[in-house]
Amino acid sequence: VRLLSRKNFLRKAKVHLRQNLIATLKGEPDANLDWAMRYCLGRRTD
């Protein structure tokens, strides 16, 4: 649902992950792929 949903806050999570993946591949120092993956793909629990 999170990956297919068009809800704005879920869409932002996917955009953020894509941006950080690209930034990591480019070697940009401010990239935080771990956080972006946890935020977008992690099982949503407390």
ModelCIF file with pLDDT and N, C-alpha, C, O atoms, coordinates in Angstrom:
data_MODEL
#
_entry.id   MODEL 
#
_entity.id                         1 
_entity.type                       polymer 
_entity.pdbx_number_of_molecules   1 
#
_entity_poly.entity_id                      1 
_entity_poly.type                           'polypeptide(L)' 
_entity_poly.nstd_linkage                   no 
_entity_poly.nstd_monomer                   no 
_entity_poly.pdbx_seq_one_letter_code       VRLLSRKNFLRKAKVHLRQNLIATLKGEPDANLDWAMRYCLGRRTD 
_entity_poly.pdbx_seq_one_letter_code_can   VRLLSRKNFLRKAKVHLRQNLIATLKGEPDANLDWAMRYCLGRRTD 
_entity_poly.pdbx_strand_id                 A 
#
loop_
_entity_poly_seq.entity_id 
_entity_poly_seq.num 
_entity_poly_seq.mon_id 
_entity_poly_seq.hetero 
1 1  VAL n 
1 2  ARG n 
1 3  LEU n 
1 4  LEU n 
1 5  SER n 
1 6  ARG n 
1 7  LYS n 
1 8  ASN n 
1 9  PHE n 
1 10 LEU n 
1 11 ARG n 
1 12 LYS n 
1 13 ALA n 
1 14 LYS n 
1 15 VAL n 
1 16 HIS n 
1 17 LEU n 
1 18 ARG n 
1 19 GLN n 
1 20 ASN n 
1 21 LEU n 
1 22 ILE n 
1 23 ALA n 
1 24 THR n 
1 25 LEU n 
1 26 LYS n 
1 27 GLY n 
1 28 GLU n 
1 29 PRO n 
1 30 ASP n 
1 31 ALA n 
1 32 ASN n 
1 33 LEU n 
1 34 ASP n 
1 35 TRP n 
1 36 ALA n 
1 37 MET n 
1 38 ARG n 
1 39 TYR n 
1 40 CYS n 
1 41 LEU n 
1 42 GLY n 
1 43 ARG n 
1 44 ARG n 
1 45 THR n 
1 46 ASP n 
#
_struct_asym.id          A 
_struct_asym.entity_id   1 
#
loop_
_ma_qa_metric.id 
_ma_qa_metric.mode 
_ma_qa_metric.name 
_ma_qa_metric.software_group_id 
_ma_qa_metric.type 
1 global pLDDT . pLDDT 
2 local  pLDDT . pLDDT 
#
_ma_qa_metric_global.metric_id      1 
_ma_qa_metric_global.metric_value   94.54 
_ma_qa_metric_global.model_id       1 
_ma_qa_metric_global.ordinal_id     1 
#
loop_
_ma_qa_metric_local.label_asym_id 
_ma_qa_metric_local.label_comp_id 
_ma_qa_metric_local.label_seq_id 
_ma_qa_metric_local.metric_id 
_ma_qa_metric_local.metric_value 
_ma_qa_metric_local.model_id 
_ma_qa_metric_local.ordinal_id 
A VAL 1  2 89.00 1 1  
A ARG 2  2 90.00 1 2  
A LEU 3  2 90.00 1 3  
A LEU 4  2 91.00 1 4  
A SER 5  2 91.00 1 5  
A ARG 6  2 87.00 1 6  
A LYS 7  2 88.00 1 7  
A ASN 8  2 89.00 1 8  
A PHE 9  2 92.00 1 9  
A LEU 10 2 94.00 1 10 
A ARG 11 2 94.00 1 11 
A LYS 12 2 94.00 1 12 
A ALA 13 2 96.00 1 13 
A LYS 14 2 96.00 1 14 
A VAL 15 2 96.00 1 15 
A HIS 16 2 97.00 1 16 
A LEU 17 2 97.00 1 17 
A ARG 18 2 96.00 1 18 
A GLN 19 2 97.00 1 19 
A ASN 20 2 97.00 1 20 
A LEU 21 2 97.00 1 21 
A ILE 22 2 97.00 1 22 
A ALA 23 2 97.00 1 23 
A THR 24 2 97.00 1 24 
A LEU 25 2 96.00 1 25 
A LYS 26 2 95.00 1 26 
A GLY 27 2 95.00 1 27 
A GLU 28 2 95.00 1 28 
A PRO 29 2 92.00 1 29 
A ASP 30 2 91.00 1 30 
A ALA 31 2 94.00 1 31 
A ASN 32 2 95.00 1 32 
A LEU 33 2 97.00 1 33 
A ASP 34 2 97.00 1 34 
A TRP 35 2 97.00 1 35 
A ALA 36 2 97.00 1 36 
A MET 37 2 97.00 1 37 
A ARG 38 2 97.00 1 38 
A TYR 39 2 96.00 1 39 
A CYS 40 2 96.00 1 40 
A LEU 41 2 96.00 1 41 
A GLY 42 2 95.00 1 42 
A ARG 43 2 94.00 1 43 
A ARG 44 2 95.00 1 44 
A THR 45 2 96.00 1 45 
A ASP 46 2 97.00 1 46 
#
loop_
_atom_site.group_PDB 
_atom_site.id 
_atom_site.type_symbol 
_atom_site.label_atom_id 
_atom_site.label_alt_id 
_atom_site.label_comp_id 
_atom_site.label_asym_id 
_atom_site.label_entity_id 
_atom_site.label_seq_id 
_atom_site.pdbx_PDB_ins_code 
_atom_site.Cartn_x 
_atom_site.Cartn_y 
_atom_site.Cartn_z 
_atom_site.occupancy 
_atom_site.B_iso_or_equiv 
_atom_site.pdbx_formal_charge 
_atom_site.auth_seq_id 
_atom_site.auth_comp_id 
_atom_site.auth_asym_id 
_atom_site.auth_atom_id 
_atom_site.pdbx_PDB_model_num 
ATOM 1   N N  . VAL A 1 1  ? 0.836  -1.201 0.000  1.00 89.00 ? 1  VAL A N  1 
ATOM 2   C CA . VAL A 1 1  ? 0.000  0.000  0.000  1.00 89.00 ? 1  VAL A CA 1 
ATOM 3   C C  . VAL A 1 1  ? 0.865  1.243  0.000  1.00 89.00 ? 1  VAL A C  1 
ATOM 4   O O  . VAL A 1 1  ? 0.588  2.191  -0.735 1.00 89.00 ? 1  VAL A O  1 
ATOM 5   N N  . ARG A 1 2  ? 1.911  1.251  0.816  1.00 90.00 ? 2  ARG A N  1 
ATOM 6   C CA . ARG A 1 2  ? 2.785  2.423  0.891  1.00 90.00 ? 2  ARG A CA 1 
ATOM 7   C C  . ARG A 1 2  ? 3.467  2.691  -0.444 1.00 90.00 ? 2  ARG A C  1 
ATOM 8   O O  . ARG A 1 2  ? 3.635  3.843  -0.844 1.00 90.00 ? 2  ARG A O  1 
ATOM 9   N N  . LEU A 1 3  ? 3.858  1.624  -1.129 1.00 90.00 ? 3  LEU A N  1 
ATOM 10  C CA . LEU A 1 3  ? 4.580  1.801  -2.387 1.00 90.00 ? 3  LEU A CA 1 
ATOM 11  C C  . LEU A 1 3  ? 3.667  2.210  -3.537 1.00 90.00 ? 3  LEU A C  1 
ATOM 12  O O  . LEU A 1 3  ? 4.111  2.863  -4.482 1.00 90.00 ? 3  LEU A O  1 
ATOM 13  N N  . LEU A 1 4  ? 2.398  1.830  -3.460 1.00 91.00 ? 4  LEU A N  1 
ATOM 14  C CA . LEU A 1 4  ? 1.468  2.103  -4.558 1.00 91.00 ? 4  LEU A CA 1 
ATOM 15  C C  . LEU A 1 4  ? 0.553  3.294  -4.291 1.00 91.00 ? 4  LEU A C  1 
ATOM 16  O O  . LEU A 1 4  ? -0.056 3.825  -5.220 1.00 91.00 ? 4  LEU A O  1 
ATOM 17  N N  . SER A 1 5  ? 0.451  3.720  -3.031 1.00 91.00 ? 5  SER A N  1 
ATOM 18  C CA . SER A 1 5  ? -0.490 4.773  -2.675 1.00 91.00 ? 5  SER A CA 1 
ATOM 19  C C  . SER A 1 5  ? -0.093 6.112  -3.288 1.00 91.00 ? 5  SER A C  1 
ATOM 20  O O  . SER A 1 5  ? 1.085  6.401  -3.496 1.00 91.00 ? 5  SER A O  1 
ATOM 21  N N  . ARG A 1 6  ? -1.118 6.922  -3.573 1.00 87.00 ? 6  ARG A N  1 
ATOM 22  C CA . ARG A 1 6  ? -0.891 8.276  -4.074 1.00 87.00 ? 6  ARG A CA 1 
ATOM 23  C C  . ARG A 1 6  ? -1.048 9.314  -2.971 1.00 87.00 ? 6  ARG A C  1 
ATOM 24  O O  . ARG A 1 6  ? -0.970 10.515 -3.233 1.00 87.00 ? 6  ARG A O  1 
ATOM 25  N N  . LYS A 1 7  ? -1.269 8.859  -1.734 1.00 88.00 ? 7  LYS A N  1 
ATOM 26  C CA . LYS A 1 7  ? -1.377 9.807  -0.625 1.00 88.00 ? 7  LYS A CA 1 
ATOM 27  C C  . LYS A 1 7  ? -0.092 10.624 -0.548 1.00 88.00 ? 7  LYS A C  1 
ATOM 28  O O  . LYS A 1 7  ? 1.002  10.094 -0.741 1.00 88.00 ? 7  LYS A O  1 
ATOM 29  N N  . ASN A 1 8  ? -0.231 11.893 -0.270 1.00 89.00 ? 8  ASN A N  1 
ATOM 30  C CA . ASN A 1 8  ? 0.904  12.797 -0.357 1.00 89.00 ? 8  ASN A CA 1 
ATOM 31  C C  . ASN A 1 8  ? 2.033  12.417 0.593  1.00 89.00 ? 8  ASN A C  1 
ATOM 32  O O  . ASN A 1 8  ? 3.201  12.439 0.204  1.00 89.00 ? 8  ASN A O  1 
ATOM 33  N N  . PHE A 1 9  ? 1.696  12.063 1.849  1.00 92.00 ? 9  PHE A N  1 
ATOM 34  C CA . PHE A 1 9  ? 2.772  11.789 2.800  1.00 92.00 ? 9  PHE A CA 1 
ATOM 35  C C  . PHE A 1 9  ? 3.503  10.493 2.463  1.00 92.00 ? 9  PHE A C  1 
ATOM 36  O O  . PHE A 1 9  ? 4.686  10.365 2.779  1.00 92.00 ? 9  PHE A O  1 
ATOM 37  N N  . LEU A 1 10 ? 2.831  9.529  1.830  1.00 94.00 ? 10 LEU A N  1 
ATOM 38  C CA . LEU A 1 10 ? 3.507  8.306  1.397  1.00 94.00 ? 10 LEU A CA 1 
ATOM 39  C C  . LEU A 1 10 ? 4.316  8.556  0.126  1.00 94.00 ? 10 LEU A C  1 
ATOM 40  O O  . LEU A 1 10 ? 5.391  7.987  -0.060 1.00 94.00 ? 10 LEU A O  1 
ATOM 41  N N  . ARG A 1 11 ? 3.796  9.398  -0.727 1.00 94.00 ? 11 ARG A N  1 
ATOM 42  C CA . ARG A 1 11 ? 4.545  9.771  -1.931 1.00 94.00 ? 11 ARG A CA 1 
ATOM 43  C C  . ARG A 1 11 ? 5.845  10.492 -1.554 1.00 94.00 ? 11 ARG A C  1 
ATOM 44  O O  . ARG A 1 11 ? 6.882  10.261 -2.175 1.00 94.00 ? 11 ARG A O  1 
ATOM 45  N N  . LYS A 1 12 ? 5.792  11.359 -0.544 1.00 94.00 ? 12 LYS A N  1 
ATOM 46  C CA . LYS A 1 12 ? 6.993  12.072 -0.112 1.00 94.00 ? 12 LYS A CA 1 
ATOM 47  C C  . LYS A 1 12 ? 8.062  11.108 0.397  1.00 94.00 ? 12 LYS A C  1 
ATOM 48  O O  . LYS A 1 12 ? 9.256  11.332 0.197  1.00 94.00 ? 12 LYS A O  1 
ATOM 49  N N  . ALA A 1 13 ? 7.623  10.025 1.061  1.00 96.00 ? 13 ALA A N  1 
ATOM 50  C CA . ALA A 1 13 ? 8.581  9.030  1.551  1.00 96.00 ? 13 ALA A CA 1 
ATOM 51  C C  . ALA A 1 13 ? 9.321  8.381  0.387  1.00 96.00 ? 13 ALA A C  1 
ATOM 52  O O  . ALA A 1 13 ? 10.532 8.169  0.454  1.00 96.00 ? 13 ALA A O  1 
ATOM 53  N N  . LYS A 1 14 ? 8.589  8.065  -0.682 1.00 96.00 ? 14 LYS A N  1 
ATOM 54  C CA . LYS A 1 14 ? 9.220  7.453  -1.853 1.00 96.00 ? 14 LYS A CA 1 
ATOM 55  C C  . LYS A 1 14 ? 10.167 8.428  -2.553 1.00 96.00 ? 14 LYS A C  1 
ATOM 56  O O  . LYS A 1 14 ? 11.255 8.049  -2.988 1.00 96.00 ? 14 LYS A O  1 
ATOM 57  N N  . VAL A 1 15 ? 9.741  9.677  -2.655 1.00 96.00 ? 15 VAL A N  1 
ATOM 58  C CA . VAL A 1 15 ? 10.592 10.692 -3.278 1.00 96.00 ? 15 VAL A CA 1 
ATOM 59  C C  . VAL A 1 15 ? 11.874 10.879 -2.467 1.00 96.00 ? 15 VAL A C  1 
ATOM 60  O O  . VAL A 1 15 ? 12.965 10.985 -3.026 1.00 96.00 ? 15 VAL A O  1 
ATOM 61  N N  . HIS A 1 16 ? 11.724 10.918 -1.140 1.00 97.00 ? 16 HIS A N  1 
ATOM 62  C CA . HIS A 1 16 ? 12.891 11.105 -0.275 1.00 97.00 ? 16 HIS A CA 1 
ATOM 63  C C  . HIS A 1 16 ? 13.872 9.931  -0.415 1.00 97.00 ? 16 HIS A C  1 
ATOM 64  O O  . HIS A 1 16 ? 15.085 10.134 -0.454 1.00 97.00 ? 16 HIS A O  1 
ATOM 65  N N  . LEU A 1 17 ? 13.345 8.720  -0.489 1.00 97.00 ? 17 LEU A N  1 
ATOM 66  C CA . LEU A 1 17 ? 14.211 7.551  -0.666 1.00 97.00 ? 17 LEU A CA 1 
ATOM 67  C C  . LEU A 1 17 ? 14.944 7.623  -2.000 1.00 97.00 ? 17 LEU A C  1 
ATOM 68  O O  . LEU A 1 17 ? 16.147 7.372  -2.062 1.00 97.00 ? 17 LEU A O  1 
ATOM 69  N N  . ARG A 1 18 ? 14.233 7.962  -3.058 1.00 96.00 ? 18 ARG A N  1 
ATOM 70  C CA . ARG A 1 18 ? 14.861 8.043  -4.377 1.00 96.00 ? 18 ARG A CA 1 
ATOM 71  C C  . ARG A 1 18 ? 15.957 9.117  -4.392 1.00 96.00 ? 18 ARG A C  1 
ATOM 72  O O  . ARG A 1 18 ? 17.029 8.900  -4.957 1.00 96.00 ? 18 ARG A O  1 
ATOM 73  N N  . GLN A 1 19 ? 15.693 10.254 -3.782 1.00 97.00 ? 19 GLN A N  1 
ATOM 74  C CA . GLN A 1 19 ? 16.680 11.332 -3.759 1.00 97.00 ? 19 GLN A CA 1 
ATOM 75  C C  . GLN A 1 19 ? 17.938 10.913 -3.007 1.00 97.00 ? 19 GLN A C  1 
ATOM 76  O O  . GLN A 1 19 ? 19.050 11.226 -3.431 1.00 97.00 ? 19 GLN A O  1 
ATOM 77  N N  . ASN A 1 20 ? 17.765 10.203 -1.887 1.00 97.00 ? 20 ASN A N  1 
ATOM 78  C CA . ASN A 1 20 ? 18.921 9.795  -1.101 1.00 97.00 ? 20 ASN A CA 1 
ATOM 79  C C  . ASN A 1 20 ? 19.684 8.647  -1.754 1.00 97.00 ? 20 ASN A C  1 
ATOM 80  O O  . ASN A 1 20 ? 20.900 8.536  -1.597 1.00 97.00 ? 20 ASN A O  1 
ATOM 81  N N  . LEU A 1 21 ? 18.974 7.800  -2.483 1.00 97.00 ? 21 LEU A N  1 
ATOM 82  C CA . LEU A 1 21 ? 19.658 6.750  -3.229 1.00 97.00 ? 21 LEU A CA 1 
ATOM 83  C C  . LEU A 1 21 ? 20.552 7.362  -4.298 1.00 97.00 ? 21 LEU A C  1 
ATOM 84  O O  . LEU A 1 21 ? 21.705 6.960  -4.454 1.00 97.00 ? 21 LEU A O  1 
ATOM 85  N N  . ILE A 1 22 ? 20.024 8.329  -5.027 1.00 97.00 ? 22 ILE A N  1 
ATOM 86  C CA . ILE A 1 22 ? 20.805 9.005  -6.066 1.00 97.00 ? 22 ILE A CA 1 
ATOM 87  C C  . ILE A 1 22 ? 21.982 9.743  -5.442 1.00 97.00 ? 22 ILE A C  1 
ATOM 88  O O  . ILE A 1 22 ? 23.099 9.695  -5.955 1.00 97.00 ? 22 ILE A O  1 
ATOM 89  N N  . ALA A 1 23 ? 21.718 10.436 -4.315 1.00 97.00 ? 23 ALA A N  1 
ATOM 90  C CA . ALA A 1 23 ? 22.789 11.182 -3.645 1.00 97.00 ? 23 ALA A CA 1 
ATOM 91  C C  . ALA A 1 23 ? 23.888 10.253 -3.143 1.00 97.00 ? 23 ALA A C  1 
ATOM 92  O O  . ALA A 1 23 ? 25.069 10.597 -3.201 1.00 97.00 ? 23 ALA A O  1 
ATOM 93  N N  . THR A 1 24 ? 23.502 9.074  -2.650 1.00 97.00 ? 24 THR A N  1 
ATOM 94  C CA . THR A 1 24 ? 24.491 8.101  -2.179 1.00 97.00 ? 24 THR A CA 1 
ATOM 95  C C  . THR A 1 24 ? 25.339 7.592  -3.332 1.00 97.00 ? 24 THR A C  1 
ATOM 96  O O  . THR A 1 24 ? 26.557 7.471  -3.208 1.00 97.00 ? 24 THR A O  1 
ATOM 97  N N  . LEU A 1 25 ? 24.699 7.296  -4.444 1.00 96.00 ? 25 LEU A N  1 
ATOM 98  C CA . LEU A 1 25 ? 25.428 6.809  -5.618 1.00 96.00 ? 25 LEU A CA 1 
ATOM 99  C C  . LEU A 1 25 ? 26.402 7.858  -6.148 1.00 96.00 ? 25 LEU A C  1 
ATOM 100 O O  . LEU A 1 25 ? 27.439 7.521  -6.720 1.00 96.00 ? 25 LEU A O  1 
ATOM 101 N N  . LYS A 1 26 ? 26.064 9.120  -5.956 1.00 95.00 ? 26 LYS A N  1 
ATOM 102 C CA . LYS A 1 26 ? 26.938 10.201 -6.400 1.00 95.00 ? 26 LYS A CA 1 
ATOM 103 C C  . LYS A 1 26 ? 28.017 10.518 -5.378 1.00 95.00 ? 26 LYS A C  1 
ATOM 104 O O  . LYS A 1 26 ? 28.917 11.317 -5.636 1.00 95.00 ? 26 LYS A O  1 
ATOM 105 N N  . GLY A 1 27 ? 27.917 9.873  -4.195 1.00 95.00 ? 27 GLY A N  1 
ATOM 106 C CA . GLY A 1 27 ? 28.915 10.112 -3.161 1.00 95.00 ? 27 GLY A CA 1 
ATOM 107 C C  . GLY A 1 27 ? 28.740 11.417 -2.417 1.00 95.00 ? 27 GLY A C  1 
ATOM 108 O O  . GLY A 1 27 ? 29.694 11.936 -1.836 1.00 95.00 ? 27 GLY A O  1 
ATOM 109 N N  . GLU A 1 28 ? 27.523 11.958 -2.429 1.00 95.00 ? 28 GLU A N  1 
ATOM 110 C CA . GLU A 1 28 ? 27.280 13.225 -1.739 1.00 95.00 ? 28 GLU A CA 1 
ATOM 111 C C  . GLU A 1 28 ? 27.332 13.009 -0.226 1.00 95.00 ? 28 GLU A C  1 
ATOM 112 O O  . GLU A 1 28 ? 26.712 12.072 0.276  1.00 95.00 ? 28 GLU A O  1 
ATOM 113 N N  . PRO A 1 29 ? 28.058 13.854 0.510  1.00 92.00 ? 29 PRO A N  1 
ATOM 114 C CA . PRO A 1 29 ? 28.295 13.622 1.940  1.00 92.00 ? 29 PRO A CA 1 
ATOM 115 C C  . PRO A 1 29 ? 27.046 13.747 2.817  1.00 92.00 ? 29 PRO A C  1 
ATOM 116 O O  . PRO A 1 29 ? 27.001 13.169 3.903  1.00 92.00 ? 29 PRO A O  1 
ATOM 117 N N  . ASP A 1 30 ? 26.038 14.487 2.366  1.00 91.00 ? 30 ASP A N  1 
ATOM 118 C CA . ASP A 1 30 ? 24.855 14.706 3.201  1.00 91.00 ? 30 ASP A CA 1 
ATOM 119 C C  . ASP A 1 30 ? 23.785 13.625 3.026  1.00 91.00 ? 30 ASP A C  1 
ATOM 120 O O  . ASP A 1 30 ? 22.751 13.683 3.691  1.00 91.00 ? 30 ASP A O  1 
ATOM 121 N N  . ALA A 1 31 ? 24.001 12.665 2.170  1.00 94.00 ? 31 ALA A N  1 
ATOM 122 C CA . ALA A 1 31 ? 23.011 11.609 1.943  1.00 94.00 ? 31 ALA A CA 1 
ATOM 123 C C  . ALA A 1 31 ? 22.844 10.765 3.204  1.00 94.00 ? 31 ALA A C  1 
ATOM 124 O O  . ALA A 1 31 ? 23.809 10.482 3.913  1.00 94.00 ? 31 ALA A O  1 
ATOM 125 N N  . ASN A 1 32 ? 21.600 10.372 3.468  1.00 95.00 ? 32 ASN A N  1 
ATOM 126 C CA . ASN A 1 32 ? 21.315 9.516  4.629  1.00 95.00 ? 32 ASN A CA 1 
ATOM 127 C C  . ASN A 1 32 ? 20.384 8.405  4.161  1.00 95.00 ? 32 ASN A C  1 
ATOM 128 O O  . ASN A 1 32 ? 19.187 8.413  4.450  1.00 95.00 ? 32 ASN A O  1 
ATOM 129 N N  . LEU A 1 33 ? 20.956 7.453  3.433  1.00 97.00 ? 33 LEU A N  1 
ATOM 130 C CA . LEU A 1 33 ? 20.149 6.396  2.833  1.00 97.00 ? 33 LEU A CA 1 
ATOM 131 C C  . LEU A 1 33 ? 19.531 5.484  3.890  1.00 97.00 ? 33 LEU A C  1 
ATOM 132 O O  . LEU A 1 33 ? 18.410 5.005  3.719  1.00 97.00 ? 33 LEU A O  1 
ATOM 133 N N  . ASP A 1 34 ? 20.257 5.244  4.983  1.00 97.00 ? 34 ASP A N  1 
ATOM 134 C CA . ASP A 1 34 ? 19.726 4.367  6.031  1.00 97.00 ? 34 ASP A CA 1 
ATOM 135 C C  . ASP A 1 34 ? 18.416 4.907  6.582  1.00 97.00 ? 34 ASP A C  1 
ATOM 136 O O  . ASP A 1 34 ? 17.438 4.171  6.713  1.00 97.00 ? 34 ASP A O  1 
ATOM 137 N N  . TRP A 1 35 ? 18.400 6.206  6.908  1.00 97.00 ? 35 TRP A N  1 
ATOM 138 C CA . TRP A 1 35 ? 17.175 6.805  7.450  1.00 97.00 ? 35 TRP A CA 1 
ATOM 139 C C  . TRP A 1 35 ? 16.058 6.778  6.407  1.00 97.00 ? 35 TRP A C  1 
ATOM 140 O O  . TRP A 1 35 ? 14.913 6.459  6.725  1.00 97.00 ? 35 TRP A O  1 
ATOM 141 N N  . ALA A 1 36 ? 16.395 7.111  5.172  1.00 97.00 ? 36 ALA A N  1 
ATOM 142 C CA . ALA A 1 36 ? 15.386 7.156  4.110  1.00 97.00 ? 36 ALA A CA 1 
ATOM 143 C C  . ALA A 1 36 ? 14.775 5.784  3.869  1.00 97.00 ? 36 ALA A C  1 
ATOM 144 O O  . ALA A 1 36 ? 13.571 5.679  3.637  1.00 97.00 ? 36 ALA A O  1 
ATOM 145 N N  . MET A 1 37 ? 15.585 4.732  3.921  1.00 97.00 ? 37 MET A N  1 
ATOM 146 C CA . MET A 1 37 ? 15.066 3.373  3.728  1.00 97.00 ? 37 MET A CA 1 
ATOM 147 C C  . MET A 1 37 ? 14.186 2.961  4.900  1.00 97.00 ? 37 MET A C  1 
ATOM 148 O O  . MET A 1 37 ? 13.122 2.373  4.708  1.00 97.00 ? 37 MET A O  1 
ATOM 149 N N  . ARG A 1 38 ? 14.632 3.272  6.116  1.00 97.00 ? 38 ARG A N  1 
ATOM 150 C CA . ARG A 1 38 ? 13.832 2.936  7.286  1.00 97.00 ? 38 ARG A CA 1 
ATOM 151 C C  . ARG A 1 38 ? 12.483 3.663  7.243  1.00 97.00 ? 38 ARG A C  1 
ATOM 152 O O  . ARG A 1 38 ? 11.440 3.078  7.536  1.00 97.00 ? 38 ARG A O  1 
ATOM 153 N N  . TYR A 1 39 ? 12.522 4.928  6.879  1.00 96.00 ? 39 TYR A N  1 
ATOM 154 C CA . TYR A 1 39 ? 11.308 5.739  6.827  1.00 96.00 ? 39 TYR A CA 1 
ATOM 155 C C  . TYR A 1 39 ? 10.330 5.237  5.763  1.00 96.00 ? 39 TYR A C  1 
ATOM 156 O O  . TYR A 1 39 ? 9.131  5.141  6.021  1.00 96.00 ? 39 TYR A O  1 
ATOM 157 N N  . CYS A 1 40 ? 10.826 4.923  4.593  1.00 96.00 ? 40 CYS A N  1 
ATOM 158 C CA . CYS A 1 40 ? 9.950  4.540  3.488  1.00 96.00 ? 40 CYS A CA 1 
ATOM 159 C C  . CYS A 1 40 ? 9.534  3.073  3.537  1.00 96.00 ? 40 CYS A C  1 
ATOM 160 O O  . CYS A 1 40 ? 8.379  2.750  3.258  1.00 96.00 ? 40 CYS A O  1 
ATOM 161 N N  . LEU A 1 41 ? 10.456 2.183  3.887  1.00 96.00 ? 41 LEU A N  1 
ATOM 162 C CA . LEU A 1 41 ? 10.222 0.750  3.724  1.00 96.00 ? 41 LEU A CA 1 
ATOM 163 C C  . LEU A 1 41 ? 9.955  0.011  5.036  1.00 96.00 ? 41 LEU A C  1 
ATOM 164 O O  . LEU A 1 41 ? 9.451  -1.113 5.015  1.00 96.00 ? 41 LEU A O  1 
ATOM 165 N N  . GLY A 1 42 ? 10.280 0.617  6.164  1.00 95.00 ? 42 GLY A N  1 
ATOM 166 C CA . GLY A 1 42 ? 10.141 -0.075 7.445  1.00 95.00 ? 42 GLY A CA 1 
ATOM 167 C C  . GLY A 1 42 ? 8.700  -0.351 7.817  1.00 95.00 ? 42 GLY A C  1 
ATOM 168 O O  . GLY A 1 42 ? 7.797  0.394  7.435  1.00 95.00 ? 42 GLY A O  1 
ATOM 169 N N  . ARG A 1 43 ? 8.485  -1.422 8.562  1.00 94.00 ? 43 ARG A N  1 
ATOM 170 C CA . ARG A 1 43 ? 7.148  -1.772 9.055  1.00 94.00 ? 43 ARG A CA 1 
ATOM 171 C C  . ARG A 1 43 ? 6.720  -0.759 10.111 1.00 94.00 ? 43 ARG A C  1 
ATOM 172 O O  . ARG A 1 43 ? 7.410  -0.571 11.113 1.00 94.00 ? 43 ARG A O  1 
ATOM 173 N N  . ARG A 1 44 ? 5.592  -0.115 9.886  1.00 95.00 ? 44 ARG A N  1 
ATOM 174 C CA . ARG A 1 44 ? 5.196  1.018  10.719 1.00 95.00 ? 44 ARG A CA 1 
ATOM 175 C C  . ARG A 1 44 ? 4.610  0.560  12.052 1.00 95.00 ? 44 ARG A C  1 
ATOM 176 O O  . ARG A 1 44 ? 3.456  0.141  12.138 1.00 95.00 ? 44 ARG A O  1 
ATOM 177 N N  . THR A 1 45 ? 5.426  0.651  13.067 1.00 96.00 ? 45 THR A N  1 
ATOM 178 C CA . THR A 1 45 ? 5.063  0.309  14.434 1.00 96.00 ? 45 THR A CA 1 
ATOM 179 C C  . THR A 1 45 ? 5.558  1.429  15.338 1.00 96.00 ? 45 THR A C  1 
ATOM 180 O O  . THR A 1 45 ? 6.261  2.334  14.889 1.00 96.00 ? 45 THR A O  1 
ATOM 181 N N  . ASP A 1 46 ? 5.184  1.362  16.622 1.00 97.00 ? 46 ASP A N  1 
ATOM 182 C CA . ASP A 1 46 ? 5.686  2.364  17.564 1.00 97.00 ? 46 ASP A CA 1 
ATOM 183 C C  . ASP A 1 46 ? 7.206  2.330  17.635 1.00 97.00 ? 46 ASP A C  1 
ATOM 184 O O  . ASP A 1 46 ? 7.807  3.105  18.379 1.00 97.00 ? 46 ASP A O  1 
#
